[in-house]
Amino acid sequence: MASPLDRVFGALADPTRRALLARLEAEDGISVSELARPLPISLPAVMKHLDVLEEAGLVARRKTGRVVACRLTAAPMEDAMAWLSRYQRFWSESLDRLAAAVEQQESDR
């Protein structure tokens, strides 16, 4: 069974799902049909993408009558950002050491 972090990164790996999330960021509470309208894929394909996003905890759906509305739930992305930030520190420190070494080499000339 995949961990929550694995599900988030798996969901974010697909460009269509990232497009859906970007649209939800701009228009929270949008219906599935409105969400699907600009995409070059079928409504059933959009529903499958939404299933993956919902399983990752990135999207919540609410049905009112016949209309299903979606909204972004960003908390799982915060966990992913926290995981990535550890590596950001690593690369920042590595690049700082490289810059210091280059500066030292230039001043030794």
C-alpha atoms as a PDB file:
ATOM      1  CA  MET A   1       0.000   0.000   0.000  1.00  0.00           C
ATOM      2  CA  ALA A   2       1.341   3.402  -0.993  1.00  0.00           C
ATOM      3  CA  SER A   3       2.088   5.974   1.680  1.00  0.00           C
ATOM      4  CA  PRO A   4       0.204   9.286   1.657  1.00  0.00           C
ATOM      5  CA  LEU A   5       3.336  11.016   0.360  1.00  0.00           C
ATOM      6  CA  ASP A   6       3.668   8.458  -2.457  1.00  0.00           C
ATOM      7  CA  ARG A   7       0.050   9.068  -3.446  1.00  0.00           C
ATOM      8  CA  VAL A   8       0.585  12.842  -3.514  1.00  0.00           C
ATOM      9  CA  PHE A   9       3.695  12.625  -5.690  1.00  0.00           C
ATOM     10  CA  GLY A  10       2.000  10.048  -7.907  1.00  0.00           C
ATOM     11  CA  ALA A  11      -0.994  12.322  -8.356  1.00  0.00           C
ATOM     12  CA  LEU A  12       1.199  15.347  -9.090  1.00  0.00           C
ATOM     13  CA  ALA A  13       3.245  13.410 -11.659  1.00  0.00           C
ATOM     14  CA  ASP A  14       0.521  13.712 -14.295  1.00  0.00           C
ATOM     15  CA  PRO A  15       0.166  17.008 -16.232  1.00  0.00           C
ATOM     16  CA  THR A  16      -3.616  16.656 -16.555  1.00  0.00           C
ATOM     17  CA  ARG A  17      -3.984  16.301 -12.791  1.00  0.00           C
ATOM     18  CA  ARG A  18      -1.716  19.304 -12.238  1.00  0.00           C
ATOM     19  CA  ALA A  19      -3.923  21.281 -14.649  1.00  0.00           C
ATOM     20  CA  LEU A  20      -7.010  20.246 -12.695  1.00  0.00           C
ATOM     21  CA  LEU A  21      -5.397  21.371  -9.431  1.00  0.00           C
ATOM     22  CA  ALA A  22      -4.381  24.700 -10.966  1.00  0.00           C
ATOM     23  CA  ARG A  23      -7.943  25.259 -12.121  1.00  0.00           C
ATOM     24  CA  LEU A  24      -9.267  24.392  -8.667  1.00  0.00           C
ATOM     25  CA  GLU A  25      -6.835  26.830  -7.112  1.00  0.00           C
ATOM     26  CA  ALA A  26      -8.293  29.578  -9.289  1.00  0.00           C
ATOM     27  CA  GLU A  27     -11.954  28.522  -9.022  1.00  0.00           C
ATOM     28  CA  ASP A  28     -12.614  26.629  -5.804  1.00  0.00           C
ATOM     29  CA  GLY A  29     -15.955  24.843  -5.655  1.00  0.00           C
ATOM     30  CA  ILE A  30     -16.280  24.348  -9.410  1.00  0.00           C
ATOM     31  CA  SER A  31     -18.463  21.589 -10.872  1.00  0.00           C
ATOM     32  CA  VAL A  32     -16.839  18.554 -12.485  1.00  0.00           C
ATOM     33  CA  SER A  33     -18.346  19.402 -15.880  1.00  0.00           C
ATOM     34  CA  GLU A  34     -16.998  22.980 -15.714  1.00  0.00           C
ATOM     35  CA  LEU A  35     -13.638  21.644 -14.592  1.00  0.00           C
ATOM     36  CA  ALA A  36     -13.528  19.224 -17.532  1.00  0.00           C
ATOM     37  CA  ARG A  37     -14.736  21.681 -20.184  1.00  0.00           C
ATOM     38  CA  PRO A  38     -11.348  23.129 -21.309  1.00  0.00           C
ATOM     39  CA  LEU A  39      -9.538  19.786 -21.264  1.00  0.00           C
ATOM     40  CA  PRO A  40      -9.017  17.742 -24.440  1.00  0.00           C
ATOM     41  CA  ILE A  41     -10.174  14.522 -22.726  1.00  0.00           C
ATOM     42  CA  SER A  42     -13.511  12.906 -22.013  1.00  0.00           C
ATOM     43  CA  LEU A  43     -15.537  13.478 -18.870  1.00  0.00           C
ATOM     44  CA  PRO A  44     -14.989   9.832 -17.750  1.00  0.00           C
ATOM     45  CA  ALA A  45     -11.216  10.392 -18.098  1.00  0.00           C
ATOM     46  CA  VAL A  46     -11.477  13.552 -15.971  1.00  0.00           C
ATOM     47  CA  MET A  47     -13.414  11.557 -13.368  1.00  0.00           C
ATOM     48  CA  LYS A  48     -10.589   8.993 -13.223  1.00  0.00           C
ATOM     49  CA  HIS A  49      -8.056  11.767 -12.710  1.00  0.00           C
ATOM     50  CA  LEU A  50     -10.238  13.227  -9.961  1.00  0.00           C
ATOM     51  CA  ASP A  51     -10.376   9.782  -8.316  1.00  0.00           C
ATOM     52  CA  VAL A  52      -6.573   9.754  -8.136  1.00  0.00           C
ATOM     53  CA  LEU A  53      -6.491  13.301  -6.758  1.00  0.00           C
ATOM     54  CA  GLU A  54      -9.152  12.468  -4.198  1.00  0.00           C
ATOM     55  CA  GLU A  55      -7.321   9.308  -3.111  1.00  0.00           C
ATOM     56  CA  ALA A  56      -4.206  11.448  -2.572  1.00  0.00           C
ATOM     57  CA  GLY A  57      -6.296  13.827  -0.448  1.00  0.00           C
ATOM     58  CA  LEU A  58      -5.764  16.739  -2.838  1.00  0.00           C
ATOM     59  CA  VAL A  59      -9.385  17.146  -3.915  1.00  0.00           C
ATOM     60  CA  ALA A  60     -12.695  16.914  -2.088  1.00  0.00           C
ATOM     61  CA  ARG A  61     -15.959  16.374  -3.939  1.00  0.00           C
ATOM     62  CA  ARG A  62     -19.432  17.309  -2.753  1.00  0.00           C
ATOM     63  CA  LYS A  63     -22.649  16.306  -4.463  1.00  0.00           C
ATOM     64  CA  THR A  64     -25.631  18.632  -4.355  1.00  0.00           C
ATOM     65  CA  GLY A  65     -28.524  17.181  -6.296  1.00  0.00           C
ATOM     66  CA  ARG A  66     -27.056  16.163  -9.649  1.00  0.00           C
ATOM     67  CA  VAL A  67     -24.070  18.529  -9.478  1.00  0.00           C
ATOM     68  CA  VAL A  68     -20.734  17.343  -8.129  1.00  0.00           C
ATOM     69  CA  ALA A  69     -18.488  20.221  -7.053  1.00  0.00           C
ATOM     70  CA  CYS A  70     -14.757  19.908  -6.389  1.00  0.00           C
ATOM     71  CA  ARG A  71     -12.480  21.896  -4.160  1.00  0.00           C
ATOM     72  CA  LEU A  72      -8.757  21.871  -3.562  1.00  0.00           C
ATOM     73  CA  THR A  73      -7.436  20.491  -0.273  1.00  0.00           C
ATOM     74  CA  ALA A  74      -3.823  21.607  -0.048  1.00  0.00           C
ATOM     75  CA  ALA A  75      -2.745  20.017   3.244  1.00  0.00           C
ATOM     76  CA  PRO A  76      -1.176  16.948   1.571  1.00  0.00           C
ATOM     77  CA  MET A  77       0.901  19.266  -0.632  1.00  0.00           C
ATOM     78  CA  GLU A  78       2.238  20.915   2.533  1.00  0.00           C
ATOM     79  CA  ASP A  79       3.561  17.512   3.615  1.00  0.00           C
ATOM     80  CA  ALA A  80       5.211  17.089   0.207  1.00  0.00           C
ATOM     81  CA  MET A  81       6.751  20.566   0.455  1.00  0.00           C
ATOM     82  CA  ALA A  82       8.113  19.754   3.915  1.00  0.00           C
ATOM     83  CA  TRP A  83       9.739  16.622   2.492  1.00  0.00           C
ATOM     84  CA  LEU A  84      11.199  18.563  -0.445  1.00  0.00           C
ATOM     85  CA  SER A  85      12.468  21.389   1.781  1.00  0.00           C
ATOM     86  CA  ARG A  86      14.984  19.020   3.388  1.00  0.00           C
ATOM     87  CA  TYR A  87      16.586  18.584  -0.027  1.00  0.00           C
ATOM     88  CA  GLN A  88      16.381  22.285  -0.757  1.00  0.00           C
ATOM     89  CA  ARG A  89      18.611  22.879   2.283  1.00  0.00           C
ATOM     90  CA  PHE A  90      21.029  20.210   1.021  1.00  0.00           C
ATOM     91  CA  TRP A  91      21.299  21.780  -2.425  1.00  0.00           C
ATOM     92  CA  SER A  92      21.544  25.312  -1.041  1.00  0.00           C
ATOM     93  CA  GLU A  93      24.383  24.308   1.264  1.00  0.00           C
ATOM     94  CA  SER A  94      26.126  22.427  -1.562  1.00  0.00           C
ATOM     95  CA  LEU A  95      25.827  25.380  -3.920  1.00  0.00           C
ATOM     96  CA  ASP A  96      27.066  27.762  -1.201  1.00  0.00           C
ATOM     97  CA  ARG A  97      30.158  25.562  -0.716  1.00  0.00           C
ATOM     98  CA  LEU A  98      30.735  25.480  -4.477  1.00  0.00           C
ATOM     99  CA  ALA A  99      30.432  29.274  -4.722  1.00  0.00           C
ATOM    100  CA  ALA A 100      32.900  29.699  -1.837  1.00  0.00           C
ATOM    101  CA  ALA A 101      35.359  27.323  -3.509  1.00  0.00           C
ATOM    102  CA  VAL A 102      35.102  29.181  -6.832  1.00  0.00           C
ATOM    103  CA  GLU A 103      35.604  32.529  -5.090  1.00  0.00           C
ATOM    104  CA  GLN A 104      38.614  31.157  -3.207  1.00  0.00           C
ATOM    105  CA  GLN A 105      40.104  29.791  -6.416  1.00  0.00           C
ATOM    106  CA  GLU A 106      39.635  33.156  -8.156  1.00  0.00           C
ATOM    107  CA  SER A 107      41.243  35.084  -5.283  1.00  0.00           C
ATOM    108  CA  ASP A 108      44.240  32.676  -5.321  1.00  0.00           C
ATOM    109  CA  ARG A 109      45.038  33.629  -8.934  1.00  0.00           C
END
